[in-house]
Amino acid sequence: MASPFLDSVRADMRLRGFSIKTEKSYLFWITSYIRFINKRHPGEVATSEVSRFLTWLAVSRRVSVNTQKIALNALAFLYQKFLRINLGDLGFKLATKQRQLPTVLSPDEVKLILNNLADRNRLIIALLYGSGLRVNECLRLRVQDIDLDRKCLVIRNGKGNKDRQTLLSLNLIEPLKRQIEIALTVQAKDNERGVGCAMPPALGRKFPNAWRTPAWAFVFPSSGLCNNPYDGTLCRYHLHDTVVRKFLSTAAIKAGIVNKRVKCHTLRHSFATAMLASGADIRTVQELLGHNDVSTTQIYTHVLGQHYAGSQSPLDRIS
């Protein structure tokens, strides 16, 4: 539903520095809400419609609690930030979500998955497990974010727009060097055509030739070019996360892991659990994962049953 109203909402989100992923998610739910209220302007209907919409999602659409929360966040932004209308007390309470223990893989299971992957795909999954990365944190890595000498990775603009450092397994230094060479070859060919990697908007304006420098090249470039969603220029983005999800699912099936639902985030859960099991201090794991609150990290102690202390990448224990 393209409209001047939604275009102005999108512009406001970009002014506030929202990520493209958040922008698309919020616009999806705002569009769904506008359709729900029969395409009336949100500012012209009672705010009780928000409560009715969220109830409809839960009762008729049977969406999950997390999905319901995302929809609420989108509408809270629409009313309170964009329209400057106070939603007040909606008289609505989100359903509580029962705490669930995360699915984790044993080191042997991770090894089986890695044995069914090769080259770039194996490296991506190894990074998710060996460094505890979210899938998009891994795919957004640029050459300048990898410090092979200090054996660490810099994660920029992670969840909550936070930067952090995390471990880099010794086993991944040589594979990363090879992948960086591939990425720089792709960049060099693009530069010959006057094309480069996608740049953050503000930095792209401040350093107009930065897309030509090796430091800004994506380590895992996409196979094709696309138009930058911010300014429409032709560029190369990083690999899309759906590619990773597909080959991980295939590798898990080939590995014979049928009793667990293996997702990209499962590798991050497995990293945290393996770190604690090896003796890592929970505060260290919290920092490596980028959690705001240690209570978020404590969920992994319930998988193990106790606290531990120490710090070494679990990938280093896989021969």
Protein backbone atom coordinates (compact mmCIF):
# COMPACT_ATOMS: atom_id res chain seq x y z
CA MET A 1 0.00 0.00 0.00
CA ALA A 2 2.08 2.88 -1.31
CA SER A 3 0.77 6.27 -0.19
CA PRO A 4 2.03 9.75 0.71
CA PHE A 5 1.17 8.98 4.34
CA LEU A 6 3.31 5.81 4.44
CA ASP A 7 6.08 7.61 2.57
CA SER A 8 6.13 10.27 5.29
CA VAL A 9 6.19 7.57 7.99
CA ARG A 10 9.14 5.93 6.22
CA ALA A 11 10.95 9.27 5.98
CA ASP A 12 10.46 9.85 9.71
CA MET A 13 11.91 6.43 10.54
CA ARG A 14 14.96 7.13 8.38
CA LEU A 15 15.40 10.47 10.10
CA ARG A 16 15.50 8.60 13.40
CA GLY A 17 18.10 6.13 12.06
CA PHE A 18 15.93 2.99 12.05
CA SER A 19 17.42 -0.02 10.28
CA ILE A 20 15.92 -1.15 6.99
CA LYS A 21 14.74 -4.36 8.68
CA THR A 22 12.87 -2.43 11.39
CA GLU A 23 11.49 -0.03 8.79
CA LYS A 24 10.04 -2.86 6.70
CA SER A 25 8.59 -4.60 9.77
CA TYR A 26 6.93 -1.45 11.13
CA LEU A 27 5.52 -0.45 7.74
CA PHE A 28 4.07 -3.95 7.32
CA TRP A 29 2.15 -3.72 10.60
CA ILE A 30 1.11 -0.11 10.08
CA THR A 31 -0.24 -1.08 6.65
CA SER A 32 -2.07 -4.07 8.17
CA TYR A 33 -3.59 -1.79 10.80
CA ILE A 34 -4.76 0.75 8.20
CA ARG A 35 -6.46 -2.02 6.27
CA PHE A 36 -8.04 -3.25 9.50
CA ILE A 37 -9.61 0.19 10.10
CA ASN A 38 -10.93 0.24 6.52
CA LYS A 39 -8.19 2.51 5.18
CA ARG A 40 -9.13 5.41 7.42
CA HIS A 41 -6.43 7.79 8.65
CA PRO A 42 -5.05 6.46 11.98
CA GLY A 43 -5.28 9.94 13.49
CA GLU A 44 -9.03 10.09 12.80
CA VAL A 45 -10.03 6.90 14.62
CA ALA A 46 -10.23 6.18 18.34
CA THR A 47 -7.06 4.77 19.86
CA SER A 48 -9.18 1.87 21.13
CA GLU A 49 -8.88 0.53 17.57
CA VAL A 50 -5.29 -0.36 18.41
CA SER A 51 -6.47 -2.63 21.20
CA ARG A 52 -9.12 -4.14 18.92
CA PHE A 53 -6.49 -4.79 16.23
CA LEU A 54 -4.10 -6.51 18.66
CA THR A 55 -6.94 -8.64 20.03
CA TRP A 56 -7.90 -9.59 16.46
CA LEU A 57 -4.30 -10.66 15.77
CA ALA A 58 -4.30 -12.90 18.86
CA VAL A 59 -7.80 -14.36 18.51
CA SER A 60 -8.44 -14.55 14.77
CA ARG A 61 -4.95 -14.70 13.33
CA ARG A 62 -3.47 -16.64 16.27
CA VAL A 63 -0.12 -14.88 16.02
CA SER A 64 2.62 -15.53 18.56
CA VAL A 65 3.21 -13.28 21.56
CA ASN A 66 6.41 -11.94 20.01
CA THR A 67 4.61 -11.05 16.78
CA GLN A 68 1.93 -9.29 18.79
CA LYS A 69 4.60 -7.26 20.58
CA ILE A 70 6.21 -6.21 17.29
CA ALA A 71 2.82 -5.04 16.01
CA LEU A 72 2.28 -3.06 19.23
CA ASN A 73 5.73 -1.45 18.93
CA ALA A 74 4.97 -0.43 15.34
CA LEU A 75 1.66 1.17 16.31
CA ALA A 76 3.17 2.81 19.39
CA PHE A 77 5.72 4.44 17.09
CA LEU A 78 3.01 5.50 14.65
CA TYR A 79 0.85 7.19 17.27
CA GLN A 80 3.26 8.45 19.90
CA LYS A 81 6.30 9.37 17.80
CA PHE A 82 4.91 10.15 14.36
CA LEU A 83 1.35 11.39 14.99
CA ARG A 84 2.20 12.61 18.52
CA ILE A 85 -1.00 11.11 19.88
CA ASN A 86 -0.81 9.54 23.33
CA LEU A 87 -2.24 6.04 23.25
CA GLY A 88 -2.86 6.14 27.00
CA ASP A 89 -4.16 3.03 28.71
CA LEU A 90 -5.40 0.70 26.00
CA GLY A 91 -7.01 -1.59 28.54
CA PHE A 92 -5.10 -4.34 26.83
CA LYS A 93 -2.58 -6.75 28.26
CA LEU A 94 -0.23 -8.76 26.08
CA ALA A 95 -0.31 -12.47 26.62
CA THR A 96 2.61 -13.66 28.71
CA LYS A 97 5.05 -15.99 27.07
CA GLN A 98 6.12 -19.06 28.99
CA ARG A 99 9.87 -19.21 29.36
CA GLN A 100 11.32 -21.80 27.03
CA LEU A 101 14.79 -23.24 27.23
CA PRO A 102 16.76 -22.60 24.03
CA THR A 103 17.60 -25.47 21.71
CA VAL A 104 21.33 -26.13 21.80
CA LEU A 105 23.61 -28.42 19.83
CA SER A 106 26.43 -30.47 21.30
CA PRO A 107 29.96 -29.96 19.90
CA ASP A 108 29.63 -33.30 18.11
CA GLU A 109 26.41 -32.19 16.44
CA VAL A 110 28.01 -28.91 15.35
CA LYS A 111 30.92 -30.90 13.93
CA LEU A 112 28.51 -33.09 11.92
CA ILE A 113 26.86 -29.99 10.45
CA LEU A 114 30.21 -28.42 9.56
CA ASN A 115 31.32 -31.65 7.90
CA ASN A 116 28.35 -31.31 5.53
CA LEU A 117 29.36 -27.80 4.47
CA ALA A 118 32.33 -26.38 2.58
CA ASP A 119 34.15 -23.14 1.88
CA ARG A 120 32.04 -20.00 2.40
CA ASN A 121 29.01 -21.81 3.83
CA ARG A 122 31.12 -23.70 6.35
CA LEU A 123 32.86 -20.49 7.38
CA ILE A 124 29.58 -18.68 8.04
CA ILE A 125 28.21 -21.44 10.27
CA ALA A 126 31.58 -21.75 12.03
CA LEU A 127 31.47 -18.01 12.81
CA LEU A 128 27.93 -18.23 14.19
CA TYR A 129 29.03 -20.99 16.56
CA GLY A 130 32.62 -19.97 17.20
CA SER A 131 31.88 -16.30 17.92
CA GLY A 132 28.24 -16.35 19.04
CA LEU A 133 27.00 -14.10 16.24
CA ARG A 134 23.49 -13.39 15.07
CA VAL A 135 23.19 -14.32 11.41
CA ASN A 136 22.92 -10.72 10.17
CA GLU A 137 25.82 -9.64 12.39
CA CYS A 138 27.91 -12.22 10.59
CA LEU A 139 26.75 -11.28 7.10
CA ARG A 140 27.27 -7.55 7.73
CA LEU A 141 30.94 -8.06 8.60
CA ARG A 142 33.28 -5.87 6.58
CA VAL A 143 37.01 -6.40 6.11
CA GLN A 144 37.81 -3.68 8.66
CA ASP A 145 35.77 -5.51 11.33
CA ILE A 146 38.13 -8.50 11.42
CA ASP A 147 41.27 -8.23 13.54
CA LEU A 148 43.34 -11.32 12.76
CA ASP A 149 46.24 -10.20 14.95
CA ARG A 150 44.14 -9.73 18.09
CA LYS A 151 41.88 -12.64 17.08
CA CYS A 152 38.64 -10.76 17.55
CA LEU A 153 35.68 -9.46 15.59
CA VAL A 154 34.08 -6.04 15.90
CA ILE A 155 30.30 -6.18 15.62
CA ARG A 156 28.97 -2.79 14.56
CA ASN A 157 25.39 -1.60 14.96
CA GLY A 158 24.24 -4.84 16.52
CA LYS A 159 20.89 -5.24 18.20
CA GLY A 160 20.05 -1.96 19.90
CA ASN A 161 22.57 -0.11 17.68
CA LYS A 162 25.41 -1.26 19.92
CA ASP A 163 29.01 -2.08 18.97
CA ARG A 164 30.91 -4.88 20.69
CA GLN A 165 33.89 -7.20 20.30
CA THR A 166 33.80 -10.96 20.41
CA LEU A 167 36.14 -13.93 20.06
CA LEU A 168 37.60 -15.20 16.80
CA SER A 169 38.55 -18.85 16.72
CA LEU A 170 42.11 -19.70 15.70
CA ASN A 171 40.64 -22.32 13.37
CA LEU A 172 39.00 -19.60 11.27
CA ILE A 173 41.99 -17.37 10.57
CA GLU A 174 43.07 -19.09 7.35
CA PRO A 175 39.50 -19.59 6.01
CA LEU A 176 38.81 -15.91 6.70
CA LYS A 177 41.95 -14.85 4.84
CA ARG A 178 40.78 -16.84 1.80
CA GLN A 179 37.27 -15.40 2.00
CA ILE A 180 38.60 -11.86 2.29
CA GLU A 181 40.66 -12.41 -0.86
CA ILE A 182 37.50 -13.53 -2.67
CA ALA A 183 35.57 -10.51 -1.37
CA LEU A 184 38.29 -8.08 -2.47
CA THR A 185 38.37 -9.66 -5.95
CA VAL A 186 34.62 -9.08 -6.23
CA GLN A 187 35.07 -5.50 -5.07
CA ALA A 188 37.86 -4.85 -7.59
CA LYS A 189 35.69 -6.08 -10.48
CA ASP A 190 32.78 -3.94 -9.25
CA ASN A 191 35.02 -0.88 -8.99
CA GLU A 192 36.04 -1.30 -12.62
CA ARG A 193 32.35 -0.90 -13.49
CA GLY A 194 31.98 2.12 -11.22
CA VAL A 195 30.04 0.11 -8.62
CA GLY A 196 30.90 -0.63 -5.00
CA CYS A 197 29.60 -2.05 -1.74
CA ALA A 198 26.60 -0.47 -0.04
CA MET A 199 27.63 2.23 2.40
CA PRO A 200 25.85 3.65 5.46
CA PRO A 201 24.09 6.81 4.16
CA ALA A 202 25.86 9.39 6.33
CA LEU A 203 29.31 7.85 5.83
CA GLY A 204 28.69 7.55 2.10
CA ARG A 205 28.16 11.31 1.93
CA LYS A 206 31.07 12.15 4.21
CA PHE A 207 33.50 9.82 2.43
CA PRO A 208 32.20 9.60 -1.16
CA ASN A 209 35.04 7.31 -2.32
CA ALA A 210 35.03 4.94 0.68
CA TRP A 211 33.25 2.24 -1.35
CA ARG A 212 36.47 1.81 -3.32
CA THR A 213 38.59 1.01 -0.24
CA PRO A 214 39.18 -2.64 0.79
CA ALA A 215 38.27 -1.88 4.42
CA TRP A 216 34.61 -1.32 3.55
CA ALA A 217 34.15 -4.46 1.44
CA PHE A 218 31.65 -6.99 2.77
CA VAL A 219 33.36 -10.27 3.72
CA PHE A 220 30.34 -12.18 2.39
CA PRO A 221 29.17 -10.21 -0.67
CA SER A 222 25.91 -11.04 -2.41
CA SER A 223 25.98 -12.79 -5.78
CA GLY A 224 24.25 -9.91 -7.56
CA LEU A 225 23.91 -6.15 -7.56
CA CYS A 226 20.89 -4.22 -6.30
CA ASN A 227 19.63 -0.67 -5.82
CA ASN A 228 20.46 0.96 -2.51
CA PRO A 229 17.14 1.45 -0.63
CA TYR A 230 18.30 4.85 0.65
CA ASP A 231 19.37 6.59 -2.55
CA GLY A 232 18.65 4.14 -5.37
CA THR A 233 22.27 3.83 -6.52
CA LEU A 234 23.49 0.51 -7.90
CA CYS A 235 25.60 -1.33 -5.32
CA ARG A 236 26.46 -4.71 -3.87
CA TYR A 237 25.05 -5.74 -0.50
CA HIS A 238 26.05 -8.64 1.69
CA LEU A 239 24.65 -12.15 1.32
CA HIS A 240 20.98 -12.43 2.30
CA ASP A 241 20.15 -14.35 5.48
CA THR A 242 17.66 -16.61 3.68
CA VAL A 243 20.60 -18.17 1.80
CA VAL A 244 22.20 -19.16 5.11
CA ARG A 245 18.97 -20.55 6.53
CA LYS A 246 18.50 -22.78 3.49
CA PHE A 247 21.96 -24.35 3.45
CA LEU A 248 22.00 -24.75 7.25
CA SER A 249 18.69 -26.62 7.15
CA THR A 250 19.98 -28.90 4.40
CA ALA A 251 23.24 -29.56 6.27
CA ALA A 252 21.38 -30.40 9.52
CA ILE A 253 19.24 -32.96 7.69
CA LYS A 254 22.30 -34.51 6.04
CA ALA A 255 23.95 -34.64 9.46
CA GLY A 256 21.03 -36.73 10.73
CA ILE A 257 19.89 -34.17 13.31
CA VAL A 258 16.14 -34.72 13.16
CA ASN A 259 15.24 -34.39 16.85
CA LYS A 260 16.08 -30.67 17.04
CA ARG A 261 14.92 -27.65 15.07
CA VAL A 262 18.22 -26.20 13.88
CA LYS A 263 18.13 -22.48 13.06
CA CYS A 264 20.86 -19.88 12.69
CA HIS A 265 20.18 -18.65 16.24
CA THR A 266 20.64 -22.22 17.53
CA LEU A 267 24.37 -21.82 16.85
CA ARG A 268 24.43 -18.66 19.01
CA HIS A 269 22.62 -20.52 21.82
CA SER A 270 25.12 -23.36 21.47
CA PHE A 271 28.05 -20.91 21.68
CA ALA A 272 26.76 -19.47 24.95
CA THR A 273 26.10 -22.88 26.48
CA ALA A 274 29.49 -24.26 25.42
CA MET A 275 31.25 -21.18 26.80
CA LEU A 276 29.60 -21.58 30.20
CA ALA A 277 30.28 -25.31 30.19
CA SER A 278 33.99 -24.63 29.57
CA GLY A 279 34.16 -22.36 32.61
CA ALA A 280 33.45 -18.91 31.18
CA ASP A 281 32.20 -16.31 33.63
CA ILE A 282 28.58 -15.36 32.93
CA ARG A 283 29.51 -11.66 32.73
CA THR A 284 32.07 -12.47 30.04
CA VAL A 285 29.47 -14.39 28.05
CA GLN A 286 27.01 -11.53 28.51
CA GLU A 287 29.53 -9.10 27.02
CA LEU A 288 30.43 -11.40 24.12
CA LEU A 289 26.75 -11.87 23.24
CA GLY A 290 25.93 -8.18 23.65
CA HIS A 291 23.12 -8.67 26.16
CA ASN A 292 21.98 -5.57 28.07
CA ASP A 293 20.97 -7.54 31.15
CA VAL A 294 22.71 -10.54 32.65
CA SER A 295 19.29 -12.09 33.30
CA THR A 296 19.03 -12.66 29.54
CA THR A 297 22.28 -14.61 29.62
CA GLN A 298 21.23 -16.58 32.69
CA ILE A 299 18.78 -18.62 30.62
CA TYR A 300 21.76 -20.67 29.46
CA THR A 301 22.65 -21.64 33.00
CA HIS A 302 19.30 -23.39 33.16
CA VAL A 303 20.34 -25.54 30.22
CA LEU A 304 23.48 -26.54 32.15
CA GLY A 305 22.05 -26.45 35.65
CA GLN A 306 24.86 -24.37 37.15
CA HIS A 307 27.30 -21.43 36.67
CA TYR A 308 30.82 -21.75 35.26
CA ALA A 309 33.86 -19.53 34.62
CA GLY A 310 36.57 -19.21 31.84
CA SER A 311 36.73 -18.08 28.20
CA GLN A 312 37.81 -19.86 25.03
CA SER A 313 36.02 -20.19 21.73
CA PRO A 314 34.17 -23.54 21.64
CA LEU A 315 35.22 -23.96 18.00
CA ASP A 316 38.82 -24.42 19.14
CA ARG A 317 37.82 -27.69 20.82
CA ILE A 318 36.63 -29.23 17.55
CA SER A 319 39.41 -31.05 15.79
